[in-house]
Amino acid sequence: NDCFVVMSLGKEKFQTSVKEKAPPDVTWCEECE
């Protein structure tokens, strides 16, 4: 997959980086506030 995560709380959103050619188990370790 070329996968990424969208986190939302209320109207605010954050998107992680895209992990290209990732297997079904993927790690990001990305932070947001």
All heavy atoms as atom14 arrays in JSON, in Angstrom:
{
  "sequence": "NDCFVVMSLGKEKFQTSVKEKAPPDVTWCEECE",
  "atom14_mask": [
    [1, 1, 1, 1, 1, 1, 1, 1, 0, 0, 0, 0, 0, 0],
    [1, 1, 1, 1, 1, 1, 1, 1, 0, 0, 0, 0, 0, 0],
    [1, 1, 1, 1, 1, 1, 0, 0, 0, 0, 0, 0, 0, 0],
    [1, 1, 1, 1, 1, 1, 1, 1, 1, 1, 1, 0, 0, 0],
    [1, 1, 1, 1, 1, 1, 1, 0, 0, 0, 0, 0, 0, 0],
    [1, 1, 1, 1, 1, 1, 1, 0, 0, 0, 0, 0, 0, 0],
    [1, 1, 1, 1, 1, 1, 1, 1, 0, 0, 0, 0, 0, 0],
    [1, 1, 1, 1, 1, 1, 0, 0, 0, 0, 0, 0, 0, 0],
    [1, 1, 1, 1, 1, 1, 1, 1, 0, 0, 0, 0, 0, 0],
    [1, 1, 1, 1, 0, 0, 0, 0, 0, 0, 0, 0, 0, 0],
    [1, 1, 1, 1, 1, 1, 1, 1, 1, 0, 0, 0, 0, 0],
    [1, 1, 1, 1, 1, 1, 1, 1, 1, 0, 0, 0, 0, 0],
    [1, 1, 1, 1, 1, 1, 1, 1, 1, 0, 0, 0, 0, 0],
    [1, 1, 1, 1, 1, 1, 1, 1, 1, 1, 1, 0, 0, 0],
    [1, 1, 1, 1, 1, 1, 1, 1, 1, 0, 0, 0, 0, 0],
    [1, 1, 1, 1, 1, 1, 1, 0, 0, 0, 0, 0, 0, 0],
    [1, 1, 1, 1, 1, 1, 0, 0, 0, 0, 0, 0, 0, 0],
    [1, 1, 1, 1, 1, 1, 1, 0, 0, 0, 0, 0, 0, 0],
    [1, 1, 1, 1, 1, 1, 1, 1, 1, 0, 0, 0, 0, 0],
    [1, 1, 1, 1, 1, 1, 1, 1, 1, 0, 0, 0, 0, 0],
    [1, 1, 1, 1, 1, 1, 1, 1, 1, 0, 0, 0, 0, 0],
    [1, 1, 1, 1, 1, 0, 0, 0, 0, 0, 0, 0, 0, 0],
    [1, 1, 1, 1, 1, 1, 1, 0, 0, 0, 0, 0, 0, 0],
    [1, 1, 1, 1, 1, 1, 1, 0, 0, 0, 0, 0, 0, 0],
    [1, 1, 1, 1, 1, 1, 1, 1, 0, 0, 0, 0, 0, 0],
    [1, 1, 1, 1, 1, 1, 1, 0, 0, 0, 0, 0, 0, 0],
    [1, 1, 1, 1, 1, 1, 1, 0, 0, 0, 0, 0, 0, 0],
    [1, 1, 1, 1, 1, 1, 1, 1, 1, 1, 1, 1, 1, 1],
    [1, 1, 1, 1, 1, 1, 0, 0, 0, 0, 0, 0, 0, 0],
    [1, 1, 1, 1, 1, 1, 1, 1, 1, 0, 0, 0, 0, 0],
    [1, 1, 1, 1, 1, 1, 1, 1, 1, 0, 0, 0, 0, 0],
    [1, 1, 1, 1, 1, 1, 0, 0, 0, 0, 0, 0, 0, 0],
    [1, 1, 1, 1, 1, 1, 1, 1, 1, 0, 0, 0, 0, 0]
  ],
  "atom14_positions": [
    [[0.84, -1.2, 0.0], [0.0, 0.0, 0.0], [0.87, 1.25, 0.0], [2.0, 1.22, 0.49], [-0.87, 0.06, 1.27], [-1.95, -0.99, 1.29], [-2.68, -1.16, 0.34], [-2.05, -1.7, 2.41], [0.0, 0.0, 0.0], [0.0, 0.0, 0.0], [0.0, 0.0, 0.0], [0.0, 0.0, 0.0], [0.0, 0.0, 0.0], [0.0, 0.0, 0.0]],
    [[0.34, 2.33, -0.5], [0.9, 3.66, -0.3], [-0.02, 4.32, 0.71], [-0.96, 5.02, 0.36], [0.94, 4.46, -1.61], [1.91, 3.87, -2.62], [2.8, 3.11, -2.22], [1.79, 4.19, -3.82], [0.0, 0.0, 0.0], [0.0, 0.0, 0.0], [0.0, 0.0, 0.0], [0.0, 0.0, 0.0], [0.0, 0.0, 0.0], [0.0, 0.0, 0.0]],
    [[0.21, 4.05, 1.99], [-0.79, 4.38, 3.01], [-0.39, 5.57, 3.87], [0.78, 5.89, 4.04], [-1.09, 3.18, 3.88], [0.35, 2.39, 4.58], [0.0, 0.0, 0.0], [0.0, 0.0, 0.0], [0.0, 0.0, 0.0], [0.0, 0.0, 0.0], [0.0, 0.0, 0.0], [0.0, 0.0, 0.0], [0.0, 0.0, 0.0], [0.0, 0.0, 0.0]],
    [[-1.43, 6.21, 4.42], [-1.27, 7.32, 5.34], [-2.46, 7.34, 6.29], [-3.47, 6.69, 6.04], [-1.13, 8.65, 4.58], [-2.34, 9.02, 3.76], [-3.32, 9.86, 4.25], [-2.48, 8.53, 2.46], [-4.42, 10.2, 3.48], [-3.57, 8.87, 1.67], [-4.55, 9.71, 2.19], [0.0, 0.0, 0.0], [0.0, 0.0, 0.0], [0.0, 0.0, 0.0]],
    [[-2.31, 8.08, 7.39], [-3.36, 8.17, 8.4], [-3.86, 9.6, 8.48], [-3.06, 10.55, 8.47], [-2.84, 7.75, 9.79], [-3.92, 7.87, 10.86], [-2.29, 6.33, 9.76], [0.0, 0.0, 0.0], [0.0, 0.0, 0.0], [0.0, 0.0, 0.0], [0.0, 0.0, 0.0], [0.0, 0.0, 0.0], [0.0, 0.0, 0.0], [0.0, 0.0, 0.0]],
    [[-5.17, 9.76, 8.57], [-5.79, 11.07, 8.83], [-6.39, 10.99, 10.22], [-7.22, 10.12, 10.5], [-6.88, 11.4, 7.79], [-7.57, 12.71, 8.15], [-6.29, 11.47, 6.39], [0.0, 0.0, 0.0], [0.0, 0.0, 0.0], [0.0, 0.0, 0.0], [0.0, 0.0, 0.0], [0.0, 0.0, 0.0], [0.0, 0.0, 0.0], [0.0, 0.0, 0.0]],
    [[-5.93, 11.89, 11.11], [-6.48, 11.98, 12.46], [-7.35, 13.22, 12.52], [-6.94, 14.28, 12.05], [-5.37, 12.11, 13.49], [-4.51, 10.89, 13.6], [-3.23, 11.09, 14.84], [-2.11, 12.16, 13.99], [0.0, 0.0, 0.0], [0.0, 0.0, 0.0], [0.0, 0.0, 0.0], [0.0, 0.0, 0.0], [0.0, 0.0, 0.0], [0.0, 0.0, 0.0]],
    [[-8.52, 13.09, 13.11], [-9.39, 14.27, 13.24], [-9.98, 14.33, 14.64], [-10.27, 13.31, 15.25], [-10.5, 14.25, 12.19], [-11.32, 13.12, 12.35], [0.0, 0.0, 0.0], [0.0, 0.0, 0.0], [0.0, 0.0, 0.0], [0.0, 0.0, 0.0], [0.0, 0.0, 0.0], [0.0, 0.0, 0.0], [0.0, 0.0, 0.0], [0.0, 0.0, 0.0]],
    [[-10.12, 15.56, 15.12], [-10.74, 15.84, 16.41], [-11.54, 17.11, 16.21], [-10.97, 18.17, 15.98], [-9.68, 16.02, 17.49], [-10.17, 16.34, 18.9], [-11.1, 15.26, 19.42], [-8.99, 16.53, 19.85], [0.0, 0.0, 0.0], [0.0, 0.0, 0.0], [0.0, 0.0, 0.0], [0.0, 0.0, 0.0], [0.0, 0.0, 0.0], [0.0, 0.0, 0.0]],
    [[-12.86, 16.99, 16.25], [-13.71, 18.13, 15.91], [-13.51, 18.47, 14.44], [-13.56, 17.6, 13.58], [0.0, 0.0, 0.0], [0.0, 0.0, 0.0], [0.0, 0.0, 0.0], [0.0, 0.0, 0.0], [0.0, 0.0, 0.0], [0.0, 0.0, 0.0], [0.0, 0.0, 0.0], [0.0, 0.0, 0.0], [0.0, 0.0, 0.0], [0.0, 0.0, 0.0]],
    [[-13.23, 19.74, 14.16], [-13.02, 20.18, 12.77], [-11.56, 20.18, 12.35], [-11.23, 20.45, 11.21], [-13.6, 21.58, 12.58], [-15.1, 21.62, 12.74], [-15.65, 23.01, 12.54], [-17.15, 23.03, 12.74], [-17.71, 24.37, 12.57], [0.0, 0.0, 0.0], [0.0, 0.0, 0.0], [0.0, 0.0, 0.0], [0.0, 0.0, 0.0], [0.0, 0.0, 0.0]],
    [[-10.67, 19.87, 13.29], [-9.23, 19.91, 13.01], [-8.74, 18.54, 12.54], [-9.18, 17.51, 13.06], [-8.49, 20.34, 14.27], [-7.07, 20.77, 14.02], [-6.44, 21.4, 15.25], [-7.04, 21.39, 16.33], [-5.32, 21.9, 15.1], [0.0, 0.0, 0.0], [0.0, 0.0, 0.0], [0.0, 0.0, 0.0], [0.0, 0.0, 0.0], [0.0, 0.0, 0.0]],
    [[-7.81, 18.55, 11.56], [-7.28, 17.3, 11.01], [-5.76, 17.37, 10.89], [-5.18, 18.44, 10.75], [-7.85, 17.03, 9.63], [-9.31, 16.69, 9.63], [-9.8, 16.34, 8.24], [-11.26, 15.97, 8.29], [-11.75, 15.55, 6.98], [0.0, 0.0, 0.0], [0.0, 0.0, 0.0], [0.0, 0.0, 0.0], [0.0, 0.0, 0.0], [0.0, 0.0, 0.0]],
    [[-5.15, 16.19, 10.91], [-3.71, 16.05, 10.68], [-3.52, 14.81, 9.82], [-4.19, 13.8, 10.02], [-2.95, 15.87, 12.0], [-1.5, 15.54, 11.82], [-0.58, 16.53, 11.54], [-1.06, 14.23, 11.92], [0.76, 16.22, 11.37], [0.27, 13.91, 11.75], [1.19, 14.91, 11.47], [0.0, 0.0, 0.0], [0.0, 0.0, 0.0], [0.0, 0.0, 0.0]],
    [[-2.59, 14.89, 8.87], [-2.29, 13.76, 8.0], [-0.83, 13.39, 8.13], [0.05, 14.26, 8.08], [-2.6, 14.12, 6.55], [-2.29, 13.0, 5.59], [-2.63, 13.37, 4.15], [-3.69, 13.91, 3.89], [-1.73, 13.06, 3.24], [0.0, 0.0, 0.0], [0.0, 0.0, 0.0], [0.0, 0.0, 0.0], [0.0, 0.0, 0.0], [0.0, 0.0, 0.0]],
    [[-0.56, 12.1, 8.29], [0.83, 11.62, 8.36], [1.45, 11.62, 6.97], [0.76, 11.85, 5.97], [0.89, 10.18, 8.91], [0.26, 9.3, 7.97], [0.27, 10.07, 10.28], [0.0, 0.0, 0.0], [0.0, 0.0, 0.0], [0.0, 0.0, 0.0], [0.0, 0.0, 0.0], [0.0, 0.0, 0.0], [0.0, 0.0, 0.0], [0.0, 0.0, 0.0]],
    [[2.71, 11.31, 6.91], [3.38, 11.12, 5.63], [2.88, 9.83, 4.99], [2.31, 8.97, 5.66], [4.9, 11.04, 5.83], [5.22, 9.93, 6.65], [0.0, 0.0, 0.0], [0.0, 0.0, 0.0], [0.0, 0.0, 0.0], [0.0, 0.0, 0.0], [0.0, 0.0, 0.0], [0.0, 0.0, 0.0], [0.0, 0.0, 0.0], [0.0, 0.0, 0.0]],
    [[3.08, 9.71, 3.68], [2.67, 8.51, 2.95], [3.82, 7.49, 3.01], [4.96, 7.81, 2.68], [2.33, 8.84, 1.48], [2.01, 7.58, 0.69], [1.17, 9.83, 1.41], [0.0, 0.0, 0.0], [0.0, 0.0, 0.0], [0.0, 0.0, 0.0], [0.0, 0.0, 0.0], [0.0, 0.0, 0.0], [0.0, 0.0, 0.0], [0.0, 0.0, 0.0]],
    [[3.5, 6.29, 3.46], [4.48, 5.2, 3.46], [4.27, 4.42, 2.17], [3.29, 3.69, 2.02], [4.27, 4.28, 4.67], [4.53, 4.96, 5.99], [5.99, 5.3, 6.15], [6.25, 5.86, 7.53], [7.66, 6.13, 7.77], [0.0, 0.0, 0.0], [0.0, 0.0, 0.0], [0.0, 0.0, 0.0], [0.0, 0.0, 0.0], [0.0, 0.0, 0.0]],
    [[5.18, 4.6, 1.24], [5.05, 3.97, -0.07], [5.48, 2.52, -0.04], [6.44, 2.15, 0.64], [5.86, 4.76, -1.1], [5.33, 6.17, -1.3], [6.08, 6.94, -2.37], [7.04, 6.41, -2.95], [5.68, 8.09, -2.6], [0.0, 0.0, 0.0], [0.0, 0.0, 0.0], [0.0, 0.0, 0.0], [0.0, 0.0, 0.0], [0.0, 0.0, 0.0]],
    [[4.76, 1.7, -0.79], [5.02, 0.27, -0.91], [5.15, -0.41, 0.45], [6.03, -1.23, 0.69], [6.27, 0.03, -1.75], [6.11, 0.54, -3.17], [7.34, 0.31, -4.0], [7.13, 0.89, -5.4], [8.33, 0.86, -6.2], [0.0, 0.0, 0.0], [0.0, 0.0, 0.0], [0.0, 0.0, 0.0], [0.0, 0.0, 0.0], [0.0, 0.0, 0.0]],
    [[4.24, -0.06, 1.34], [4.25, -0.59, 2.7], [3.54, -1.93, 2.77], [2.55, -2.15, 2.08], [3.57, 0.41, 3.64], [0.0, 0.0, 0.0], [0.0, 0.0, 0.0], [0.0, 0.0, 0.0], [0.0, 0.0, 0.0], [0.0, 0.0, 0.0], [0.0, 0.0, 0.0], [0.0, 0.0, 0.0], [0.0, 0.0, 0.0], [0.0, 0.0, 0.0]],
    [[4.02, -2.82, 3.62], [3.33, -4.1, 3.85], [2.07, -3.87, 4.69], [1.82, -2.75, 5.15], [4.37, -4.91, 4.63], [5.19, -3.9, 5.33], [5.24, -2.7, 4.42], [0.0, 0.0, 0.0], [0.0, 0.0, 0.0], [0.0, 0.0, 0.0], [0.0, 0.0, 0.0], [0.0, 0.0, 0.0], [0.0, 0.0, 0.0], [0.0, 0.0, 0.0]],
    [[1.28, -4.91, 4.97], [0.06, -4.75, 5.78], [0.32, -4.25, 7.21], [-0.56, -3.69, 7.84], [-0.54, -6.15, 5.81], [-0.03, -6.8, 4.56], [1.35, -6.25, 4.37], [0.0, 0.0, 0.0], [0.0, 0.0, 0.0], [0.0, 0.0, 0.0], [0.0, 0.0, 0.0], [0.0, 0.0, 0.0], [0.0, 0.0, 0.0], [0.0, 0.0, 0.0]],
    [[1.54, -4.45, 7.72], [1.93, -3.91, 9.03], [2.93, -2.78, 8.78], [4.01, -3.02, 8.24], [2.58, -4.98, 9.9], [1.63, -6.12, 10.22], [0.41, -5.96, 10.03], [2.11, -7.18, 10.66], [0.0, 0.0, 0.0], [0.0, 0.0, 0.0], [0.0, 0.0, 0.0], [0.0, 0.0, 0.0], [0.0, 0.0, 0.0], [0.0, 0.0, 0.0]],
    [[2.56, -1.56, 9.17], [3.39, -0.38, 8.85], [3.56, 0.5, 10.09], [2.68, 0.56, 10.94], [2.78, 0.4, 7.67], [1.4, 0.89, 7.99], [3.65, 1.55, 7.22], [0.0, 0.0, 0.0], [0.0, 0.0, 0.0], [0.0, 0.0, 0.0], [0.0, 0.0, 0.0], [0.0, 0.0, 0.0], [0.0, 0.0, 0.0], [0.0, 0.0, 0.0]],
    [[4.71, 1.18, 10.2], [5.03, 2.04, 11.34], [5.23, 3.47, 10.87], [5.91, 3.71, 9.87], [6.32, 1.54, 12.04], [6.1, 0.19, 12.45], [6.65, 2.39, 13.24], [0.0, 0.0, 0.0], [0.0, 0.0, 0.0], [0.0, 0.0, 0.0], [0.0, 0.0, 0.0], [0.0, 0.0, 0.0], [0.0, 0.0, 0.0], [0.0, 0.0, 0.0]],
    [[4.65, 4.43, 11.62], [4.83, 5.86, 11.32], [5.63, 6.57, 12.4], [6.55, 7.31, 12.1], [3.48, 6.57, 11.19], [2.8, 6.37, 9.89], [3.0, 7.07, 8.74], [1.81, 5.39, 9.59], [2.2, 6.59, 7.75], [1.45, 5.56, 8.25], [1.19, 4.4, 10.33], [0.5, 4.77, 7.62], [0.24, 3.61, 9.72], [-0.09, 3.8, 8.38]],
    [[5.25, 6.46, 13.65], [5.86, 7.19, 14.78], [5.87, 8.7, 14.51], [6.89, 9.36, 14.64], [7.26, 6.68, 15.08], [7.27, 5.0, 15.69], [0.0, 0.0, 0.0], [0.0, 0.0, 0.0], [0.0, 0.0, 0.0], [0.0, 0.0, 0.0], [0.0, 0.0, 0.0], [0.0, 0.0, 0.0], [0.0, 0.0, 0.0], [0.0, 0.0, 0.0]],
    [[4.71, 9.24, 14.15], [4.57, 10.67, 13.88], [3.65, 11.29, 14.92], [2.67, 10.69, 15.33], [4.02, 10.91, 12.48], [4.99, 10.48, 11.4], [4.54, 10.85, 10.0], [3.8, 11.85, 9.85], [4.92, 10.14, 9.07], [0.0, 0.0, 0.0], [0.0, 0.0, 0.0], [0.0, 0.0, 0.0], [0.0, 0.0, 0.0], [0.0, 0.0, 0.0]],
    [[4.0, 12.52, 15.33], [3.26, 13.21, 16.38], [2.54, 14.43, 15.84], [2.98, 15.04, 14.86], [4.2, 13.66, 17.49], [4.88, 12.53, 18.2], [5.81, 13.0, 19.29], [6.05, 14.23, 19.39], [6.31, 12.16, 20.04], [0.0, 0.0, 0.0], [0.0, 0.0, 0.0], [0.0, 0.0, 0.0], [0.0, 0.0, 0.0], [0.0, 0.0, 0.0]],
    [[1.46, 14.81, 16.52], [0.76, 16.05, 16.2], [0.07, 16.55, 17.47], [-0.01, 15.83, 18.47], [-0.24, 15.87, 15.08], [-1.75, 15.02, 15.56], [0.0, 0.0, 0.0], [0.0, 0.0, 0.0], [0.0, 0.0, 0.0], [0.0, 0.0, 0.0], [0.0, 0.0, 0.0], [0.0, 0.0, 0.0], [0.0, 0.0, 0.0], [0.0, 0.0, 0.0]],
    [[-0.39, 17.77, 17.41], [-1.14, 18.36, 18.52], [-2.44, 18.92, 17.95], [-2.41, 19.69, 16.99], [-0.32, 19.47, 19.18], [-0.99, 20.06, 20.4], [-0.08, 21.04, 21.11], [0.79, 20.58, 21.87], [-0.25, 22.25, 20.88], [0.0, 0.0, 0.0], [0.0, 0.0, 0.0], [0.0, 0.0, 0.0], [0.0, 0.0, 0.0], [0.0, 0.0, 0.0]]
  ]
}
